[in-house]
């Protein structure tokens, strides 16, 4: 599966429609994310971003249209998947089993990169909102997926962590990973290769930055 410029496509959403009762949320949405690209999807609250995301990662089936993904998937939802009674390490061990990882070296490296390596033995319920989001993001990244779908990934981050996130995203893109960042408001547009605006059920080319 190739994009128009010849690169391998990691995610291709074609002509996707979805309604809830009489409310038509998606009306033929299209999105193509090539390998090594960072793509932003922006839209107002209620525009259908969550529906689009759930369809993109396979949690929801469209009424019409197709979704094709290649390679492993990492999904960071806006609502965290954390158990407040588990420590950070217990979360890592749980997802290590789920991902069938032989070791936790990459997870520990990502903890260092995101700046919360000293929280390994703290319970999730004791963490600040920003640190909880770091862990939520880490759990989506620790198996080194080829396609990342991130819903409001930097919510609650301070400035230092915000900069760490973009440095990590740029590194992953340089390694050929594909990243989709979905938000009601996108900052630092210069980081993105392309931005799409979800408007009236369709993804409109907002601007091509690179």
C-alpha atoms as a PDB file:
ATOM      1  CA  UNK A   1       0.000   0.000   0.000  1.00  0.00           C
ATOM      2  CA  UNK A   2       1.685   3.204  -1.234  1.00  0.00           C
ATOM      3  CA  UNK A   3       0.899   6.905  -1.014  1.00  0.00           C
ATOM      4  CA  UNK A   4       0.951   9.258  -3.998  1.00  0.00           C
ATOM      5  CA  UNK A   5       4.634  10.091  -3.378  1.00  0.00           C
ATOM      6  CA  UNK A   6       5.600   6.406  -3.345  1.00  0.00           C
ATOM      7  CA  UNK A   7       6.040   5.989   0.402  1.00  0.00           C
ATOM      8  CA  UNK A   8       4.478   3.086   2.248  1.00  0.00           C
ATOM      9  CA  UNK A   9       1.158   4.017   3.834  1.00  0.00           C
ATOM     10  CA  UNK A  10       0.739   3.076   7.503  1.00  0.00           C
ATOM     11  CA  UNK A  11      -2.888   4.201   7.758  1.00  0.00           C
ATOM     12  CA  UNK A  12      -5.404   4.753   4.999  1.00  0.00           C
ATOM     13  CA  UNK A  13      -8.962   5.837   5.768  1.00  0.00           C
ATOM     14  CA  UNK A  14     -11.100   5.958   2.631  1.00  0.00           C
ATOM     15  CA  UNK A  15     -14.648   7.289   2.299  1.00  0.00           C
ATOM     16  CA  UNK A  16     -15.644   6.568   5.902  1.00  0.00           C
ATOM     17  CA  UNK A  17     -19.189   7.336   7.026  1.00  0.00           C
ATOM     18  CA  UNK A  18     -20.597   7.013  10.545  1.00  0.00           C
ATOM     19  CA  UNK A  19     -23.848   8.139  12.147  1.00  0.00           C
ATOM     20  CA  UNK A  20     -25.433   7.901  15.572  1.00  0.00           C
ATOM     21  CA  UNK A  21     -29.131   7.670  14.946  1.00  0.00           C
ATOM     22  CA  UNK A  22     -30.034  10.613  12.744  1.00  0.00           C
ATOM     23  CA  UNK A  23     -26.822  12.475  13.511  1.00  0.00           C
ATOM     24  CA  UNK A  24     -24.325  11.964  10.707  1.00  0.00           C
ATOM     25  CA  UNK A  25     -20.865  12.404  12.256  1.00  0.00           C
ATOM     26  CA  UNK A  26     -18.529  11.343   9.433  1.00  0.00           C
ATOM     27  CA  UNK A  27     -19.430  11.978   5.799  1.00  0.00           C
ATOM     28  CA  UNK A  28     -16.822  10.338   3.607  1.00  0.00           C
ATOM     29  CA  UNK A  29     -13.675  11.063   5.626  1.00  0.00           C
ATOM     30  CA  UNK A  30     -10.325  10.303   3.959  1.00  0.00           C
ATOM     31  CA  UNK A  31      -6.867  10.220   5.529  1.00  0.00           C
ATOM     32  CA  UNK A  32      -3.571   8.794   4.285  1.00  0.00           C
ATOM     33  CA  UNK A  33      -0.589   8.638   6.662  1.00  0.00           C
ATOM     34  CA  UNK A  34       2.714   7.561   5.063  1.00  0.00           C
ATOM     35  CA  UNK A  35       5.667   6.010   6.854  1.00  0.00           C
ATOM     36  CA  UNK A  36       7.823   8.597   8.597  1.00  0.00           C
ATOM     37  CA  UNK A  37       5.116  11.284   8.709  1.00  0.00           C
ATOM     38  CA  UNK A  38       3.679  13.335  11.561  1.00  0.00           C
ATOM     39  CA  UNK A  39       0.096  14.288  10.748  1.00  0.00           C
ATOM     40  CA  UNK A  40      -2.190  16.476  12.841  1.00  0.00           C
ATOM     41  CA  UNK A  41      -5.970  16.192  12.915  1.00  0.00           C
ATOM     42  CA  UNK A  42      -7.779  19.148  14.434  1.00  0.00           C
ATOM     43  CA  UNK A  43     -11.464  19.753  15.008  1.00  0.00           C
ATOM     44  CA  UNK A  44     -13.835  21.454  17.398  1.00  0.00           C
ATOM     45  CA  UNK A  45     -15.469  19.587  20.265  1.00  0.00           C
ATOM     46  CA  UNK A  46     -18.244  17.420  18.861  1.00  0.00           C
ATOM     47  CA  UNK A  47     -16.774  17.397  15.343  1.00  0.00           C
ATOM     48  CA  UNK A  48     -16.313  13.622  15.417  1.00  0.00           C
ATOM     49  CA  UNK A  49     -12.637  13.288  16.344  1.00  0.00           C
ATOM     50  CA  UNK A  50     -13.240  10.516  18.886  1.00  0.00           C
ATOM     51  CA  UNK A  51     -15.375   8.600  16.399  1.00  0.00           C
ATOM     52  CA  UNK A  52     -12.690   8.951  13.748  1.00  0.00           C
ATOM     53  CA  UNK A  53     -10.037   7.750  16.193  1.00  0.00           C
ATOM     54  CA  UNK A  54     -11.993   4.712  17.301  1.00  0.00           C
ATOM     55  CA  UNK A  55     -12.570   3.763  13.669  1.00  0.00           C
ATOM     56  CA  UNK A  56      -8.888   4.328  12.843  1.00  0.00           C
ATOM     57  CA  UNK A  57      -7.697   1.931  15.565  1.00  0.00           C
ATOM     58  CA  UNK A  58     -10.399  -0.676  14.968  1.00  0.00           C
ATOM     59  CA  UNK A  59     -12.578  -0.083  18.025  1.00  0.00           C
ATOM     60  CA  UNK A  60     -15.539   1.011  15.921  1.00  0.00           C
ATOM     61  CA  UNK A  61     -16.797  -0.182  12.532  1.00  0.00           C
ATOM     62  CA  UNK A  62     -17.790   2.413   9.907  1.00  0.00           C
ATOM     63  CA  UNK A  63     -21.090   2.136   8.071  1.00  0.00           C
ATOM     64  CA  UNK A  64     -19.304   2.744   4.780  1.00  0.00           C
ATOM     65  CA  UNK A  65     -15.718   3.069   3.711  1.00  0.00           C
ATOM     66  CA  UNK A  66     -12.508   1.228   4.556  1.00  0.00           C
ATOM     67  CA  UNK A  67      -9.631   1.458   7.002  1.00  0.00           C
ATOM     68  CA  UNK A  68      -6.307  -0.221   6.231  1.00  0.00           C
ATOM     69  CA  UNK A  69      -3.390  -0.281   8.686  1.00  0.00           C
ATOM     70  CA  UNK A  70       0.057  -1.775   8.172  1.00  0.00           C
ATOM     71  CA  UNK A  71       2.502  -2.585  10.941  1.00  0.00           C
ATOM     72  CA  UNK A  72       2.018  -2.555  14.698  1.00  0.00           C
ATOM     73  CA  UNK A  73      -0.267   0.014  16.330  1.00  0.00           C
ATOM     74  CA  UNK A  74       0.174   2.160  19.418  1.00  0.00           C
ATOM     75  CA  UNK A  75      -2.932   3.994  20.654  1.00  0.00           C
ATOM     76  CA  UNK A  76      -2.945   6.622  23.392  1.00  0.00           C
ATOM     77  CA  UNK A  77      -6.558   7.516  24.280  1.00  0.00           C
ATOM     78  CA  UNK A  78      -7.480  10.802  25.897  1.00  0.00           C
ATOM     79  CA  UNK A  79      -8.897   8.973  28.917  1.00  0.00           C
ATOM     80  CA  UNK A  80      -6.083   7.119  30.616  1.00  0.00           C
ATOM     81  CA  UNK A  81      -6.038   3.335  30.915  1.00  0.00           C
ATOM     82  CA  UNK A  82      -4.383   3.495  34.332  1.00  0.00           C
ATOM     83  CA  UNK A  83      -5.309   1.626  37.514  1.00  0.00           C
ATOM     84  CA  UNK A  84      -4.798   3.960  40.456  1.00  0.00           C
ATOM     85  CA  UNK A  85      -3.813   1.100  42.786  1.00  0.00           C
ATOM     86  CA  UNK A  86      -0.993  -0.145  40.528  1.00  0.00           C
ATOM     87  CA  UNK A  87       2.512   1.253  40.624  1.00  0.00           C
ATOM     88  CA  UNK A  88       4.170   2.487  37.446  1.00  0.00           C
ATOM     89  CA  UNK A  89       6.279  -0.687  37.376  1.00  0.00           C
ATOM     90  CA  UNK A  90       3.185  -2.876  37.731  1.00  0.00           C
ATOM     91  CA  UNK A  91       1.659  -1.115  34.734  1.00  0.00           C
ATOM     92  CA  UNK A  92       4.817  -1.774  32.750  1.00  0.00           C
ATOM     93  CA  UNK A  93       4.848  -5.444  33.742  1.00  0.00           C
ATOM     94  CA  UNK A  94       1.186  -5.818  32.769  1.00  0.00           C
ATOM     95  CA  UNK A  95       1.715  -4.290  29.339  1.00  0.00           C
ATOM     96  CA  UNK A  96       4.964  -6.207  28.910  1.00  0.00           C
ATOM     97  CA  UNK A  97       2.903  -9.396  29.041  1.00  0.00           C
ATOM     98  CA  UNK A  98       0.210  -7.955  26.747  1.00  0.00           C
ATOM     99  CA  UNK A  99       2.815  -6.909  24.155  1.00  0.00           C
ATOM    100  CA  UNK A 100       4.901 -10.077  24.693  1.00  0.00           C
ATOM    101  CA  UNK A 101       8.044  -8.083  25.302  1.00  0.00           C
ATOM    102  CA  UNK A 102      11.133  -9.937  26.539  1.00  0.00           C
ATOM    103  CA  UNK A 103      12.330  -7.007  28.665  1.00  0.00           C
ATOM    104  CA  UNK A 104      11.551  -3.432  29.690  1.00  0.00           C
ATOM    105  CA  UNK A 105      14.629  -1.637  28.368  1.00  0.00           C
ATOM    106  CA  UNK A 106      12.655   0.505  25.920  1.00  0.00           C
ATOM    107  CA  UNK A 107      10.071   1.422  28.550  1.00  0.00           C
ATOM    108  CA  UNK A 108      12.822   2.559  30.916  1.00  0.00           C
ATOM    109  CA  UNK A 109      14.475   4.548  28.130  1.00  0.00           C
ATOM    110  CA  UNK A 110      11.187   6.307  27.402  1.00  0.00           C
ATOM    111  CA  UNK A 111      10.734   7.090  31.091  1.00  0.00           C
ATOM    112  CA  UNK A 112      14.098   8.842  31.021  1.00  0.00           C
ATOM    113  CA  UNK A 113      13.208  10.723  27.840  1.00  0.00           C
ATOM    114  CA  UNK A 114       9.889  11.886  29.272  1.00  0.00           C
ATOM    115  CA  UNK A 115      11.432  12.797  32.619  1.00  0.00           C
ATOM    116  CA  UNK A 116       9.710  10.550  35.166  1.00  0.00           C
ATOM    117  CA  UNK A 117      12.181   7.721  35.759  1.00  0.00           C
ATOM    118  CA  UNK A 118      12.043   8.411  39.518  1.00  0.00           C
ATOM    119  CA  UNK A 119       8.355   7.421  39.637  1.00  0.00           C
ATOM    120  CA  UNK A 120       8.817   3.707  38.950  1.00  0.00           C
ATOM    121  CA  UNK A 121       7.534   2.535  42.334  1.00  0.00           C
ATOM    122  CA  UNK A 122       4.817   5.145  42.848  1.00  0.00           C
ATOM    123  CA  UNK A 123       1.150   4.253  42.520  1.00  0.00           C
ATOM    124  CA  UNK A 124      -0.686   5.804  39.602  1.00  0.00           C
ATOM    125  CA  UNK A 125      -3.192   7.393  41.985  1.00  0.00           C
ATOM    126  CA  UNK A 126      -0.374   9.377  43.591  1.00  0.00           C
ATOM    127  CA  UNK A 127       0.881  10.870  40.333  1.00  0.00           C
ATOM    128  CA  UNK A 128       0.141  14.383  39.113  1.00  0.00           C
ATOM    129  CA  UNK A 129      -2.084  14.803  36.066  1.00  0.00           C
ATOM    130  CA  UNK A 130       0.891  15.496  33.812  1.00  0.00           C
ATOM    131  CA  UNK A 131       2.820  12.463  35.044  1.00  0.00           C
ATOM    132  CA  UNK A 132      -0.238  10.246  34.611  1.00  0.00           C
ATOM    133  CA  UNK A 133      -0.372  11.410  31.005  1.00  0.00           C
ATOM    134  CA  UNK A 134       3.321  10.579  30.587  1.00  0.00           C
ATOM    135  CA  UNK A 135       2.585   7.023  31.745  1.00  0.00           C
ATOM    136  CA  UNK A 136      -0.478   6.810  29.511  1.00  0.00           C
ATOM    137  CA  UNK A 137       1.700   7.815  26.547  1.00  0.00           C
ATOM    138  CA  UNK A 138       4.496   5.449  27.561  1.00  0.00           C
ATOM    139  CA  UNK A 139       2.131   2.464  27.561  1.00  0.00           C
ATOM    140  CA  UNK A 140       1.267   3.213  23.927  1.00  0.00           C
ATOM    141  CA  UNK A 141       4.929   3.542  22.922  1.00  0.00           C
ATOM    142  CA  UNK A 142       6.768   0.850  24.864  1.00  0.00           C
ATOM    143  CA  UNK A 143       6.397  -1.861  22.184  1.00  0.00           C
ATOM    144  CA  UNK A 144       7.890   0.468  19.542  1.00  0.00           C
ATOM    145  CA  UNK A 145       4.872   0.483  17.191  1.00  0.00           C
ATOM    146  CA  UNK A 146       5.143   1.569  13.571  1.00  0.00           C
ATOM    147  CA  UNK A 147       1.917   3.596  13.716  1.00  0.00           C
ATOM    148  CA  UNK A 148       1.050   5.858  16.666  1.00  0.00           C
ATOM    149  CA  UNK A 149      -2.421   7.329  17.113  1.00  0.00           C
ATOM    150  CA  UNK A 150      -2.373   9.885  19.922  1.00  0.00           C
ATOM    151  CA  UNK A 151      -5.466  11.626  21.304  1.00  0.00           C
ATOM    152  CA  UNK A 152      -4.566  14.911  23.065  1.00  0.00           C
ATOM    153  CA  UNK A 153      -1.195  13.342  24.014  1.00  0.00           C
ATOM    154  CA  UNK A 154       0.349  16.369  25.738  1.00  0.00           C
ATOM    155  CA  UNK A 155      -2.649  17.292  27.871  1.00  0.00           C
ATOM    156  CA  UNK A 156      -1.412  18.457  31.278  1.00  0.00           C
ATOM    157  CA  UNK A 157       2.260  18.603  30.267  1.00  0.00           C
ATOM    158  CA  UNK A 158       4.435  21.398  31.582  1.00  0.00           C
ATOM    159  CA  UNK A 159       6.727  23.280  29.190  1.00  0.00           C
ATOM    160  CA  UNK A 160       9.717  20.989  29.749  1.00  0.00           C
ATOM    161  CA  UNK A 161       7.681  17.833  29.109  1.00  0.00           C
ATOM    162  CA  UNK A 162       6.017  19.489  26.132  1.00  0.00           C
ATOM    163  CA  UNK A 163       9.453  20.006  24.586  1.00  0.00           C
ATOM    164  CA  UNK A 164      10.484  16.454  25.482  1.00  0.00           C
ATOM    165  CA  UNK A 165       7.373  15.144  23.718  1.00  0.00           C
ATOM    166  CA  UNK A 166       8.184  16.943  20.469  1.00  0.00           C
ATOM    167  CA  UNK A 167      11.813  15.831  20.606  1.00  0.00           C
ATOM    168  CA  UNK A 168      10.624  12.236  21.008  1.00  0.00           C
ATOM    169  CA  UNK A 169       8.069  12.602  18.198  1.00  0.00           C
ATOM    170  CA  UNK A 170      10.733  13.977  15.877  1.00  0.00           C
ATOM    171  CA  UNK A 171      13.058  11.102  16.747  1.00  0.00           C
ATOM    172  CA  UNK A 172      10.353   8.507  16.112  1.00  0.00           C
ATOM    173  CA  UNK A 173       9.478  10.082  12.777  1.00  0.00           C
ATOM    174  CA  UNK A 174      13.151   9.997  11.834  1.00  0.00           C
ATOM    175  CA  UNK A 175      13.113   6.255  12.554  1.00  0.00           C
ATOM    176  CA  UNK A 176      10.277   5.816  10.047  1.00  0.00           C
ATOM    177  CA  UNK A 177       7.414   5.711  12.527  1.00  0.00           C
ATOM    178  CA  UNK A 178       4.098   7.319  11.554  1.00  0.00           C
ATOM    179  CA  UNK A 179       2.339   9.535  14.081  1.00  0.00           C
ATOM    180  CA  UNK A 180      -1.193  10.923  14.116  1.00  0.00           C
ATOM    181  CA  UNK A 181      -1.878  13.605  16.737  1.00  0.00           C
ATOM    182  CA  UNK A 182      -5.525  14.474  17.273  1.00  0.00           C
ATOM    183  CA  UNK A 183      -6.563  17.577  19.217  1.00  0.00           C
ATOM    184  CA  UNK A 184      -9.188  20.299  19.400  1.00  0.00           C
ATOM    185  CA  UNK A 185      -6.292  22.764  19.180  1.00  0.00           C
ATOM    186  CA  UNK A 186      -2.877  22.057  17.647  1.00  0.00           C
ATOM    187  CA  UNK A 187       0.159  23.966  18.829  1.00  0.00           C
ATOM    188  CA  UNK A 188       3.635  24.136  17.278  1.00  0.00           C
ATOM    189  CA  UNK A 189       2.374  23.562  13.741  1.00  0.00           C
ATOM    190  CA  UNK A 190       5.928  23.598  12.389  1.00  0.00           C
ATOM    191  CA  UNK A 191       6.389  20.091  13.830  1.00  0.00           C
ATOM    192  CA  UNK A 192       3.793  18.592  11.478  1.00  0.00           C
ATOM    193  CA  UNK A 193       4.206  17.360   7.933  1.00  0.00           C
ATOM    194  CA  UNK A 194       0.501  17.958   7.281  1.00  0.00           C
ATOM    195  CA  UNK A 195      -2.605  19.067   9.136  1.00  0.00           C
ATOM    196  CA  UNK A 196      -6.174  17.990   8.418  1.00  0.00           C
ATOM    197  CA  UNK A 197      -9.240  19.767   9.791  1.00  0.00           C
ATOM    198  CA  UNK A 198     -12.286  17.630  10.588  1.00  0.00           C
ATOM    199  CA  UNK A 199     -15.116  19.795   9.366  1.00  0.00           C
ATOM    200  CA  UNK A 200     -18.692  18.746   8.550  1.00  0.00           C
ATOM    201  CA  UNK A 201     -17.708  15.084   8.649  1.00  0.00           C
ATOM    202  CA  UNK A 202     -14.775  15.345   6.250  1.00  0.00           C
ATOM    203  CA  UNK A 203     -11.039  15.830   6.645  1.00  0.00           C
ATOM    204  CA  UNK A 204     -10.029  19.016   4.876  1.00  0.00           C
ATOM    205  CA  UNK A 205      -6.415  19.787   3.997  1.00  0.00           C
ATOM    206  CA  UNK A 206      -5.600  22.655   6.309  1.00  0.00           C
ATOM    207  CA  UNK A 207      -2.044  23.187   5.176  1.00  0.00           C
ATOM    208  CA  UNK A 208       1.008  21.270   4.066  1.00  0.00           C
ATOM    209  CA  UNK A 209       3.860  22.346   6.234  1.00  0.00           C
ATOM    210  CA  UNK A 210       6.816  20.323   4.969  1.00  0.00           C
END
